């Protein structure tokens, strides 16, 4: 019947027919993860770069998360095609395993022979010993061992703990196994649980793959049609393309399902152009009625999240709104401006600072909580103004010009990273800027001003929210920025403070920590003291005295810097 959608029976035949009808050589919207069809948006290129970084890393965990259908598995397969020749990869796609089953699978993937003697099944030790021998031999041969686990949100706590223990296998210079965890957003919430904090400490890189925006959705459709052999204009009208993005929320798998069905519908009615009405009709065929798209759900309506603290207990994912402190905190954060976010300000040159004094602390507040989540309109939407709000907490005006350049003139240096963890926030123990990504909105900023075992307080303008850490993990991807106080006499940007006046100050502070029994004795050279301090504080012990090392020394020695309010 003209205008009707072809029934689902015989889909491959029907799809093949519409491919020829539209001048295509093959089906453009198959949901199979074919790397040829990988649409490399900027965020997809970043995701692939994070996986490739993991191959060259010094061990630990790399996380790639994203909603169902955003292209995680396809990126992983593309990554596998680009791994260096000296890389040995084990890939696990079914993580619903016991500890022994996991170890057996890892050994099988790496070709490690397990010799079990005696009665009963092979134990964990029976697998770990030969695996360690294999990893040492691979390292000696100049090879990297990488374990990739897909659908990692399904891993049990016992298996995750065993994976953490596997990263203990190391030489004096590097860990022997790099583990890449790929999963849905639940994985980030899982790793935010207090009982998995030790594993979270070992995450060296993380990336969350967001859905496509409207322009990228059109580019994605154009890309797949081109790969399939399209010559000439795209058969979708502009209105139809906008409707595709609205109905799919930019999730590639949903785009594939909808566009495949829409092309089929246009073919069935003899139309060479896909109109909006055809897209709407196709949506009724392939999507559940009123089924919301996960990536566009309001934060307040997300599913209940298990807290992990009490067996079977559930926690509604909603933030607790906290009013301002009338004494100071409202003025410190500034009001959220309507301006679009500018490019990140450049790091600038440092200047001298004062001698250490007692540390400052973000003030305590106990206003009545309201059940609500951060609204985009309440967040800071300009990074420059967010830096200025942070400067007020330091009692340092950053109102003129580039905030980081201004801060440097006042003895403060900007620090930013895209790989911060919840454990890292707790370790640094200082207010900082978190880049937040609310569903369907551009990036925005809020200040982290307090942190406890299972929740954190964010502040923007006059608004303060107390969120569970599992909730924070849903809107924060690891982008963090803060200020830190430079050592006395430092007059240039500090990257590695093992020379000049900074080195003299650092050596004195580390020596004092040794004499006070807060740092292991026996080391006298600066390099040795730095590495001893780094290992004791969970910092990468590469011997370089960078900003994180100085921040931790400042904290240990009581340098005058704002601290997070405890909860």
Protein backbone atom coordinates (compact mmCIF):
# COMPACT_ATOMS: atom_id res chain seq x y z
CA UNK A 1 0.00 0.00 0.00
CA UNK A 2 1.47 3.40 -0.93
CA UNK A 3 2.87 5.33 1.99
CA UNK A 4 2.97 2.31 4.30
CA UNK A 5 6.07 1.10 6.07
CA UNK A 6 7.27 -2.24 4.77
CA UNK A 7 6.68 -4.94 7.43
CA UNK A 8 9.62 -6.15 9.47
CA UNK A 9 9.61 -9.55 7.77
CA UNK A 10 12.48 -9.96 5.36
CA UNK A 11 14.40 -6.84 6.46
CA UNK A 12 17.64 -7.70 4.68
CA UNK A 13 15.82 -8.16 1.37
CA UNK A 14 13.91 -4.92 1.82
CA UNK A 15 17.01 -3.00 2.87
CA UNK A 16 18.91 -4.33 -0.12
CA UNK A 17 16.10 -3.12 -2.37
CA UNK A 18 16.08 0.41 -0.93
CA UNK A 19 19.89 0.56 -1.20
CA UNK A 20 19.63 0.06 -4.94
CA UNK A 21 16.65 2.45 -5.10
CA UNK A 22 18.74 5.27 -3.57
CA UNK A 23 21.84 4.47 -5.63
CA UNK A 24 23.78 2.86 -2.77
CA UNK A 25 26.12 -0.12 -2.92
CA UNK A 26 25.28 -1.41 0.57
CA UNK A 27 23.11 -0.76 3.59
CA UNK A 28 24.23 2.53 5.17
CA UNK A 29 22.64 2.07 8.59
CA UNK A 30 23.50 -1.42 9.74
CA UNK A 31 23.87 -1.54 13.54
CA UNK A 32 26.83 -3.92 13.26
CA UNK A 33 29.99 -2.19 14.64
CA UNK A 34 31.79 -1.81 11.30
CA UNK A 35 34.93 0.40 11.69
CA UNK A 36 34.55 1.59 8.07
CA UNK A 37 31.43 3.47 9.14
CA UNK A 38 33.00 4.97 12.25
CA UNK A 39 32.08 8.66 12.26
CA UNK A 40 34.98 10.44 13.88
CA UNK A 41 33.46 13.48 15.50
CA UNK A 42 35.81 15.47 17.71
CA UNK A 43 34.63 13.55 20.77
CA UNK A 44 35.09 10.20 18.98
CA UNK A 45 38.65 11.17 18.04
CA UNK A 46 39.28 12.10 21.66
CA UNK A 47 37.89 8.75 22.81
CA UNK A 48 40.16 6.85 20.42
CA UNK A 49 43.13 8.96 21.51
CA UNK A 50 42.44 8.01 25.14
CA UNK A 51 42.53 4.32 24.27
CA UNK A 52 45.75 4.72 22.30
CA UNK A 53 47.18 6.66 25.23
CA UNK A 54 46.36 3.67 27.40
CA UNK A 55 48.65 1.47 25.32
CA UNK A 56 51.60 3.76 26.02
CA UNK A 57 50.72 4.41 29.66
CA UNK A 58 52.64 3.12 32.62
CA UNK A 59 49.93 0.79 33.84
CA UNK A 60 46.68 1.25 35.70
CA UNK A 61 43.15 1.77 34.37
CA UNK A 62 41.74 3.72 31.44
CA UNK A 63 37.96 4.29 31.35
CA UNK A 64 35.75 4.79 28.29
CA UNK A 65 32.08 5.27 29.11
CA UNK A 66 29.02 6.28 27.15
CA UNK A 67 25.31 5.67 26.78
CA UNK A 68 24.04 2.60 24.94
CA UNK A 69 24.59 3.02 21.21
CA UNK A 70 27.03 5.95 21.27
CA UNK A 71 29.77 3.94 19.50
CA UNK A 72 31.97 2.58 22.30
CA UNK A 73 32.39 -0.91 20.85
CA UNK A 74 32.99 0.43 17.34
CA UNK A 75 35.72 2.74 18.66
CA UNK A 76 37.23 -0.19 20.51
CA UNK A 77 37.40 -2.25 17.32
CA UNK A 78 38.94 0.68 15.49
CA UNK A 79 41.45 0.92 18.32
CA UNK A 80 42.32 -2.77 17.99
CA UNK A 81 43.21 -2.17 14.34
CA UNK A 82 45.64 0.59 15.34
CA UNK A 83 47.46 -1.01 18.26
CA UNK A 84 51.25 -0.99 17.86
CA UNK A 85 53.07 -4.18 16.90
CA UNK A 86 54.67 -4.41 20.34
CA UNK A 87 51.26 -4.52 22.03
CA UNK A 88 49.72 -7.78 23.31
CA UNK A 89 45.96 -7.34 23.74
CA UNK A 90 43.47 -9.50 25.61
CA UNK A 91 39.80 -8.67 24.95
CA UNK A 92 36.92 -9.76 27.20
CA UNK A 93 33.39 -8.98 26.03
CA UNK A 94 31.44 -11.02 28.62
CA UNK A 95 32.46 -9.71 32.06
CA UNK A 96 29.82 -11.63 34.07
CA UNK A 97 32.50 -13.90 35.46
CA UNK A 98 33.74 -15.09 38.82
CA UNK A 99 37.27 -14.18 39.89
CA UNK A 100 38.70 -17.54 38.80
CA UNK A 101 36.74 -17.43 35.52
CA UNK A 102 38.13 -13.96 34.84
CA UNK A 103 41.71 -15.09 35.49
CA UNK A 104 41.21 -18.17 33.33
CA UNK A 105 39.86 -16.01 30.50
CA UNK A 106 42.75 -13.53 30.78
CA UNK A 107 45.27 -16.36 30.66
CA UNK A 108 43.51 -17.90 27.66
CA UNK A 109 43.47 -14.57 25.81
CA UNK A 110 47.20 -14.06 26.40
CA UNK A 111 48.00 -17.70 25.63
CA UNK A 112 49.28 -18.39 29.15
CA UNK A 113 49.38 -22.07 30.11
CA UNK A 114 48.06 -22.84 33.60
CA UNK A 115 49.40 -26.00 35.23
CA UNK A 116 47.24 -27.05 38.16
CA UNK A 117 48.38 -29.88 40.38
CA UNK A 118 46.47 -31.59 43.13
CA UNK A 119 42.76 -32.09 43.74
CA UNK A 120 40.01 -29.64 42.97
CA UNK A 121 39.76 -26.76 40.51
CA UNK A 122 42.64 -24.42 39.67
CA UNK A 123 42.87 -21.56 42.16
CA UNK A 124 43.42 -17.84 41.61
CA UNK A 125 47.10 -18.30 42.52
CA UNK A 126 47.43 -21.08 39.93
CA UNK A 127 46.53 -18.47 37.29
CA UNK A 128 48.26 -15.38 38.72
CA UNK A 129 51.73 -16.96 39.02
CA UNK A 130 52.10 -17.95 35.32
CA UNK A 131 50.39 -14.70 34.28
CA UNK A 132 52.99 -12.73 36.21
CA UNK A 133 55.77 -14.74 34.55
CA UNK A 134 54.24 -13.99 31.14
CA UNK A 135 53.95 -10.25 31.88
CA UNK A 136 57.56 -10.06 33.07
CA UNK A 137 58.74 -11.84 29.91
CA UNK A 138 56.65 -9.50 27.74
CA UNK A 139 58.12 -6.48 29.49
CA UNK A 140 61.65 -7.79 29.02
CA UNK A 141 60.89 -8.22 25.31
CA UNK A 142 59.71 -4.59 25.03
CA UNK A 143 56.03 -5.50 24.71
CA UNK A 144 53.01 -3.85 26.33
CA UNK A 145 50.23 -6.04 27.76
CA UNK A 146 46.76 -4.52 27.56
CA UNK A 147 43.54 -6.05 28.89
CA UNK A 148 40.29 -4.62 27.46
CA UNK A 149 36.99 -5.39 29.17
CA UNK A 150 33.78 -4.40 27.38
CA UNK A 151 30.44 -3.92 29.16
CA UNK A 152 32.49 -3.40 32.32
CA UNK A 153 29.52 -2.00 34.25
CA UNK A 154 28.55 -5.66 34.76
CA UNK A 155 31.71 -6.50 36.70
CA UNK A 156 31.18 -7.60 40.28
CA UNK A 157 32.98 -5.92 43.19
CA UNK A 158 35.09 -9.08 43.74
CA UNK A 159 36.22 -9.12 40.12
CA UNK A 160 37.02 -5.41 40.17
CA UNK A 161 39.15 -5.92 43.26
CA UNK A 162 41.00 -8.76 41.51
CA UNK A 163 41.63 -6.49 38.54
CA UNK A 164 43.08 -3.91 40.91
CA UNK A 165 45.38 -6.54 42.35
CA UNK A 166 46.52 -7.46 38.84
CA UNK A 167 47.78 -3.91 38.42
CA UNK A 168 50.07 -4.56 41.40
CA UNK A 169 52.21 -6.70 39.11
CA UNK A 170 55.07 -4.34 38.34
CA UNK A 171 58.79 -3.76 37.93
CA UNK A 172 60.77 -0.95 39.55
CA UNK A 173 59.83 1.40 36.71
CA UNK A 174 56.35 0.50 35.48
CA UNK A 175 53.30 -1.65 35.98
CA UNK A 176 53.11 -4.71 33.77
CA UNK A 177 49.43 -4.61 32.80
CA UNK A 178 47.28 -1.81 31.38
CA UNK A 179 43.53 -2.35 31.82
CA UNK A 180 40.94 -0.55 29.68
CA UNK A 181 37.36 -0.63 31.01
CA UNK A 182 34.58 0.16 28.54
CA UNK A 183 31.03 0.51 29.76
CA UNK A 184 27.85 2.44 30.27
CA UNK A 185 27.59 5.42 32.67
CA UNK A 186 26.80 2.99 35.49
CA UNK A 187 30.50 2.07 35.41
CA UNK A 188 31.48 5.56 36.57
CA UNK A 189 28.92 5.39 39.38
CA UNK A 190 30.21 1.94 40.30
CA UNK A 191 33.78 3.18 40.63
CA UNK A 192 32.58 6.13 42.73
CA UNK A 193 31.60 3.78 45.55
CA UNK A 194 33.73 4.18 48.68
CA UNK A 195 34.68 0.49 48.75
CA UNK A 196 36.25 0.81 45.27
CA UNK A 197 38.24 3.95 46.02
CA UNK A 198 41.57 2.12 45.77
CA UNK A 199 40.75 1.10 42.21
CA UNK A 200 39.56 4.63 41.36
CA UNK A 201 42.95 5.93 42.48
CA UNK A 202 44.56 3.97 39.65
CA UNK A 203 42.48 5.45 36.84
CA UNK A 204 45.03 7.39 34.79
CA UNK A 205 42.66 8.53 32.02
CA UNK A 206 38.93 8.62 31.50
CA UNK A 207 36.62 9.70 28.71
CA UNK A 208 32.83 9.84 28.45
CA UNK A 209 31.38 9.58 24.95
CA UNK A 210 28.42 11.93 24.68
CA UNK A 211 25.67 11.75 22.07
CA UNK A 212 25.90 13.81 18.87
CA UNK A 213 24.49 17.32 18.61
CA UNK A 214 22.18 18.33 15.75
CA UNK A 215 24.95 19.35 13.34
CA UNK A 216 26.94 16.19 14.09
CA UNK A 217 23.82 14.07 13.59
CA UNK A 218 23.49 15.43 10.06
CA UNK A 219 27.21 14.90 9.43
CA UNK A 220 26.90 11.34 10.76
CA UNK A 221 24.03 10.54 8.39
CA UNK A 222 25.91 12.12 5.47
CA UNK A 223 29.05 10.13 6.35
CA UNK A 224 27.29 6.78 6.44
CA UNK A 225 25.45 7.45 3.20
CA UNK A 226 28.72 8.46 1.51
CA UNK A 227 30.49 5.30 2.72
CA UNK A 228 27.57 3.25 1.38
CA UNK A 229 28.14 4.76 -2.07
CA UNK A 230 25.84 7.79 -2.24
CA UNK A 231 26.41 10.10 -5.22
CA UNK A 232 24.43 13.30 -5.21
CA UNK A 233 22.47 15.13 -2.52
CA UNK A 234 21.38 13.56 0.75
CA UNK A 235 17.87 12.11 0.34
CA UNK A 236 16.71 13.46 3.74
CA UNK A 237 15.06 16.89 3.82
CA UNK A 238 16.38 19.43 6.31
CA UNK A 239 13.21 19.12 8.38
CA UNK A 240 13.56 15.33 8.38
CA UNK A 241 17.16 15.58 9.60
CA UNK A 242 16.14 17.83 12.49
CA UNK A 243 13.38 15.37 13.35
CA UNK A 244 15.84 12.47 13.33
CA UNK A 245 18.02 14.26 15.86
CA UNK A 246 15.02 15.09 18.08
CA UNK A 247 13.71 11.52 18.07
CA UNK A 248 17.10 9.87 18.59
CA UNK A 249 18.74 12.48 20.84
CA UNK A 250 21.90 12.04 18.75
CA UNK A 251 22.56 8.42 19.80
CA UNK A 252 24.17 6.72 16.77
CA UNK A 253 22.49 3.35 17.23
CA UNK A 254 19.07 4.96 17.39
CA UNK A 255 19.95 7.10 14.37
CA UNK A 256 20.81 3.91 12.47
CA UNK A 257 17.53 2.22 13.38
CA UNK A 258 15.41 5.25 12.52
CA UNK A 259 17.15 6.19 9.26
CA UNK A 260 17.14 2.59 8.04
CA UNK A 261 13.40 2.38 8.60
CA UNK A 262 12.76 5.83 7.12
CA UNK A 263 14.63 4.97 3.90
CA UNK A 264 12.63 1.76 3.75
CA UNK A 265 9.40 3.71 4.14
CA UNK A 266 10.35 6.20 1.42
CA UNK A 267 11.28 3.33 -0.91
CA UNK A 268 7.97 1.55 -0.23
CA UNK A 269 6.04 4.64 -1.32
CA UNK A 270 8.32 5.39 -4.27
CA UNK A 271 9.69 8.63 -2.80
CA UNK A 272 13.30 9.62 -3.48
CA UNK A 273 13.19 12.18 -0.65
CA UNK A 274 12.67 11.31 3.01
CA UNK A 275 10.22 13.78 4.50
CA UNK A 276 9.50 14.48 8.17
CA UNK A 277 6.23 12.53 8.03
CA UNK A 278 8.12 9.43 6.88
CA UNK A 279 10.56 9.82 9.77
CA UNK A 280 7.68 10.14 12.25
CA UNK A 281 6.01 7.03 10.84
CA UNK A 282 9.29 5.13 10.96
CA UNK A 283 9.75 6.12 14.61
CA UNK A 284 6.46 4.45 15.53
CA UNK A 285 7.77 1.24 13.96
CA UNK A 286 11.20 1.04 15.59
CA UNK A 287 10.86 2.79 18.96
CA UNK A 288 8.77 1.97 21.97
CA UNK A 289 5.87 4.39 22.42
CA UNK A 290 6.91 7.14 24.83
CA UNK A 291 10.23 5.40 25.53
CA UNK A 292 12.59 8.18 26.59
CA UNK A 293 16.12 8.39 25.28
CA UNK A 294 18.53 7.91 28.18
CA UNK A 295 20.98 10.60 27.19
CA UNK A 296 18.23 13.25 27.17
CA UNK A 297 16.42 12.34 30.39
CA UNK A 298 16.30 15.10 32.97
CA UNK A 299 18.73 14.41 35.78
CA UNK A 300 15.91 14.39 38.31
CA UNK A 301 14.20 11.48 36.56
CA UNK A 302 17.16 9.15 36.33
CA UNK A 303 16.65 5.64 37.64
CA UNK A 304 17.31 4.85 41.27
CA UNK A 305 20.98 4.18 41.96
CA UNK A 306 22.26 1.59 44.39
CA UNK A 307 24.31 3.20 47.11
CA UNK A 308 26.46 0.18 47.89
CA UNK A 309 26.51 1.19 51.56
CA UNK A 310 23.53 -0.92 52.69
CA UNK A 311 22.58 -4.12 50.88
CA UNK A 312 19.45 -3.52 48.85
CA UNK A 313 19.16 0.14 49.83
CA UNK A 314 18.32 2.60 47.06
CA UNK A 315 19.14 6.26 46.75
CA UNK A 316 17.10 8.63 44.59
CA UNK A 317 19.52 10.42 42.30
CA UNK A 318 18.69 13.96 43.35
CA UNK A 319 20.97 16.64 44.69
CA UNK A 320 20.38 18.44 47.96
CA UNK A 321 20.18 22.18 47.40
CA UNK A 322 21.95 24.21 50.10
CA UNK A 323 21.48 27.95 50.50
CA UNK A 324 24.36 30.37 50.68
CA UNK A 325 26.38 31.30 53.75
CA UNK A 326 25.22 34.87 54.48
CA UNK A 327 28.64 35.78 55.89
CA UNK A 328 30.81 35.27 52.83
CA UNK A 329 30.19 32.39 50.46
CA UNK A 330 27.43 33.94 48.38
CA UNK A 331 29.64 36.84 47.36
CA UNK A 332 32.63 34.61 46.77
CA UNK A 333 31.15 32.60 43.91
CA UNK A 334 29.73 35.39 41.73
CA UNK A 335 26.52 35.28 39.71
CA UNK A 336 26.19 33.03 36.65
CA UNK A 337 26.62 35.20 33.53
CA UNK A 338 24.64 34.68 30.32
CA UNK A 339 27.72 34.81 28.11
CA UNK A 340 28.88 31.76 26.16
CA UNK A 341 31.95 29.96 27.47
CA UNK A 342 35.20 31.34 26.01
CA UNK A 343 38.30 29.35 25.22
CA UNK A 344 40.36 28.30 28.23
CA UNK A 345 42.67 31.05 29.48
CA UNK A 346 46.34 30.38 28.99
CA UNK A 347 48.63 29.43 31.84
CA UNK A 348 50.80 32.36 32.80
CA UNK A 349 54.05 33.18 34.58
CA UNK A 350 54.30 32.75 38.38
CA UNK A 351 55.46 35.28 40.95
CA UNK A 352 56.85 35.05 44.51
CA UNK A 353 54.61 34.18 47.45
CA UNK A 354 54.66 34.47 51.23
CA UNK A 355 55.99 32.08 53.85
CA UNK A 356 53.71 29.24 55.07
CA UNK A 357 51.02 30.08 57.61
CA UNK A 358 47.95 28.27 58.94
CA UNK A 359 45.65 26.92 56.19
CA UNK A 360 42.35 28.58 55.41
CA UNK A 361 39.10 26.58 55.20
CA UNK A 362 35.84 27.06 53.30
CA UNK A 363 33.32 28.16 55.91
CA UNK A 364 30.75 25.85 57.39
CA UNK A 365 27.04 26.19 56.58
CA UNK A 366 23.95 24.29 57.75
CA UNK A 367 20.94 25.65 55.82
CA UNK A 368 17.79 23.55 55.15
CA UNK A 369 18.17 21.26 52.11
CA UNK A 370 15.82 21.19 49.12
CA UNK A 371 15.39 18.17 46.84
CA UNK A 372 16.61 19.47 43.51
CA UNK A 373 19.43 19.07 41.01
CA UNK A 374 21.61 21.76 39.41
CA UNK A 375 19.76 23.60 36.69
CA UNK A 376 21.85 24.76 33.75
CA UNK A 377 20.63 28.33 34.26
CA UNK A 378 22.03 28.31 37.81
CA UNK A 379 25.53 27.15 36.84
CA UNK A 380 28.48 29.31 35.81
CA UNK A 381 28.50 29.48 32.02
CA UNK A 382 31.76 31.36 31.52
CA UNK A 383 35.07 29.78 32.51
CA UNK A 384 36.72 33.17 32.91
CA UNK A 385 34.10 34.27 35.44
CA UNK A 386 34.34 30.86 37.12
CA UNK A 387 38.07 31.47 37.66
CA UNK A 388 37.26 34.90 39.10
CA UNK A 389 34.76 33.34 41.49
CA UNK A 390 37.44 30.88 42.59
CA UNK A 391 39.84 33.79 43.12
CA UNK A 392 37.41 35.32 45.63
CA UNK A 393 37.67 32.21 47.80
CA UNK A 394 41.43 32.85 47.83
CA UNK A 395 40.78 36.53 48.68
CA UNK A 396 42.55 37.38 45.43
CA UNK A 397 40.70 39.54 42.85
CA UNK A 398 41.10 38.16 39.34
CA UNK A 399 38.87 40.73 37.71
CA UNK A 400 41.27 42.21 35.14
CA UNK A 401 42.35 40.44 31.96
CA UNK A 402 43.26 36.78 31.85
CA UNK A 403 42.56 35.28 35.31
CA UNK A 404 45.58 32.98 35.29
CA UNK A 405 47.95 35.80 34.33
CA UNK A 406 46.50 37.94 37.09
CA UNK A 407 46.76 35.09 39.60
CA UNK A 408 50.42 34.62 38.74
CA UNK A 409 51.17 38.20 39.68
CA UNK A 410 49.70 37.43 43.10
CA UNK A 411 51.82 34.34 43.73
CA UNK A 412 49.25 31.80 42.54
CA UNK A 413 49.42 29.44 39.59
CA UNK A 414 46.51 27.88 37.70
CA UNK A 415 46.34 24.13 37.45
CA UNK A 416 43.96 22.16 35.26
CA UNK A 417 43.57 18.53 34.24
CA UNK A 418 41.05 16.40 32.37
CA UNK A 419 41.90 13.21 34.27
CA UNK A 420 40.97 14.01 37.87
CA UNK A 421 39.31 11.33 40.01
CA UNK A 422 37.12 11.57 43.10
CA UNK A 423 40.02 10.26 45.13
CA UNK A 424 42.27 12.92 43.63
CA UNK A 425 39.82 15.66 44.65
CA UNK A 426 39.89 14.34 48.20
CA UNK A 427 43.69 14.16 48.19
CA UNK A 428 44.23 17.71 46.94
CA UNK A 429 41.68 18.98 49.48
CA UNK A 430 41.16 22.40 47.89
CA UNK A 431 38.25 24.25 46.24
CA UNK A 432 38.31 23.92 42.48
CA UNK A 433 36.30 24.29 39.30
CA UNK A 434 34.46 21.26 37.92
CA UNK A 435 33.34 21.26 34.30
CA UNK A 436 29.79 19.86 34.27
CA UNK A 437 27.82 18.38 31.39
CA UNK A 438 24.08 18.30 31.94
CA UNK A 439 22.04 16.29 29.41
CA UNK A 440 21.30 18.32 26.29
CA UNK A 441 23.19 21.41 27.49
CA UNK A 442 26.57 23.03 26.73
CA UNK A 443 29.33 22.70 29.31
CA UNK A 444 29.02 24.78 32.48
CA UNK A 445 31.05 25.22 35.66
CA UNK A 446 30.58 25.00 39.41
CA UNK A 447 32.98 25.15 42.32
CA UNK A 448 33.67 22.17 44.53
CA UNK A 449 33.65 23.60 48.07
CA UNK A 450 33.06 20.59 50.34
CA UNK A 451 33.49 16.83 50.16
CA UNK A 452 32.69 13.87 52.39
CA UNK A 453 32.79 10.09 52.19
CA UNK A 454 29.81 9.77 49.87
CA UNK A 455 28.77 13.30 48.84
CA UNK A 456 30.13 16.65 47.70
CA UNK A 457 28.93 20.27 47.75
CA UNK A 458 29.03 22.38 44.58
CA UNK A 459 28.56 26.14 44.46
CA UNK A 460 27.68 28.59 41.69
CA UNK A 461 26.65 32.13 42.47
CA UNK A 462 24.10 32.02 45.31
CA UNK A 463 23.33 28.36 44.73
CA UNK A 464 24.85 25.40 46.54
CA UNK A 465 24.05 21.72 45.98
CA UNK A 466 25.01 18.64 47.96
CA UNK A 467 25.19 15.70 45.56
CA UNK A 468 25.95 12.03 46.22
CA UNK A 469 29.26 11.12 44.59
CA UNK A 470 27.39 8.68 42.35
CA UNK A 471 25.28 11.61 41.14
CA UNK A 472 28.31 13.83 40.62
CA UNK A 473 29.87 11.10 38.48
CA UNK A 474 26.89 11.41 36.10
CA UNK A 475 27.55 15.05 35.24
CA UNK A 476 31.33 15.33 35.73
CA UNK A 477 33.89 13.71 33.43
CA UNK A 478 37.13 14.51 35.30
CA UNK A 479 37.81 18.09 34.12
CA UNK A 480 39.14 20.01 37.13
CA UNK A 481 40.93 23.31 37.69
CA UNK A 482 42.25 25.05 40.78
CA UNK A 483 44.85 27.48 42.12
CA UNK A 484 47.92 26.74 44.21
CA UNK A 485 50.44 28.91 46.01
CA UNK A 486 53.93 29.10 44.54
CA UNK A 487 57.05 28.74 46.73
CA UNK A 488 58.82 31.93 47.83
CA UNK A 489 61.10 33.46 45.20
CA UNK A 490 59.56 31.61 42.24
CA UNK A 491 59.28 34.16 39.44
CA UNK A 492 58.63 32.00 36.36
CA UNK A 493 55.99 29.40 35.58
CA UNK A 494 56.78 26.28 37.57
CA UNK A 495 56.75 22.98 35.70
CA UNK A 496 59.46 20.98 37.47
CA UNK A 497 60.71 22.65 40.65
CA UNK A 498 63.99 20.80 41.12
CA UNK A 499 66.12 23.82 40.31
CA UNK A 500 66.57 27.35 41.64
CA UNK A 501 64.82 28.88 44.64
CA UNK A 502 61.85 26.52 44.28
CA UNK A 503 64.17 23.53 44.69
CA UNK A 504 65.77 25.06 47.82
CA UNK A 505 62.36 25.67 49.37
CA UNK A 506 61.11 22.19 48.42
CA UNK A 507 64.19 20.46 49.83
CA UNK A 508 63.80 22.36 53.11
CA UNK A 509 60.12 21.42 53.42
CA UNK A 510 60.76 17.72 52.68
CA UNK A 511 63.64 17.70 55.17
CA UNK A 512 61.33 19.13 57.82
CA UNK A 513 58.74 16.46 57.08
CA UNK A 514 61.45 13.83 57.57
CA UNK A 515 62.52 15.29 60.90
CA UNK A 516 58.89 15.45 62.04
CA UNK A 517 58.44 11.76 61.20
CA UNK A 518 55.92 12.51 58.41
CA UNK A 519 58.25 11.26 55.68
CA UNK A 520 60.46 8.19 55.67
CA UNK A 521 64.06 9.02 56.74
CA UNK A 522 67.25 7.92 55.02
CA UNK A 523 67.08 10.01 51.84
CA UNK A 524 69.15 13.17 51.57
CA UNK A 525 69.15 14.18 47.90
CA UNK A 526 66.23 16.22 46.55
CA UNK A 527 65.38 13.68 43.83
CA UNK A 528 65.22 10.83 46.35
CA UNK A 529 63.14 12.88 48.79
CA UNK A 530 60.70 13.89 46.03
CA UNK A 531 60.18 10.28 44.95
CA UNK A 532 59.74 9.12 48.56
CA UNK A 533 57.15 11.87 49.13
CA UNK A 534 55.36 11.03 45.87
CA UNK A 535 55.07 7.34 46.69
CA UNK A 536 53.82 8.14 50.20
CA UNK A 537 51.11 10.44 48.80
CA UNK A 538 49.89 8.38 45.85
CA UNK A 539 51.52 10.65 43.24
CA UNK A 540 53.15 9.24 40.11
CA UNK A 541 56.71 8.72 41.39
CA UNK A 542 58.49 9.96 38.28
CA UNK A 543 60.83 12.17 40.31
CA UNK A 544 59.62 15.39 38.67
CA UNK A 545 58.48 18.05 41.12
CA UNK A 546 55.38 19.30 39.32
CA UNK A 547 52.32 21.25 40.51
CA UNK A 548 50.60 18.25 42.15
CA UNK A 549 53.73 17.48 44.19
CA UNK A 550 53.98 21.10 45.32
CA UNK A 551 50.27 21.20 46.19
CA UNK A 552 50.67 18.13 48.37
CA UNK A 553 53.79 19.55 50.03
CA UNK A 554 51.87 22.78 50.68
CA UNK A 555 49.13 20.74 52.32
CA UNK A 556 51.54 18.70 54.42
CA UNK A 557 53.39 21.82 55.61
CA UNK A 558 50.31 23.93 56.32
CA UNK A 559 50.82 26.55 53.60
CA UNK A 560 48.08 29.18 53.58
CA UNK A 561 45.63 27.79 51.01
CA UNK A 562 41.82 27.32 51.15
CA UNK A 563 40.69 23.79 52.03
CA UNK A 564 37.53 21.84 51.33
CA UNK A 565 34.86 21.90 54.00
CA UNK A 566 34.38 18.41 55.49
CA UNK A 567 30.92 16.80 55.45
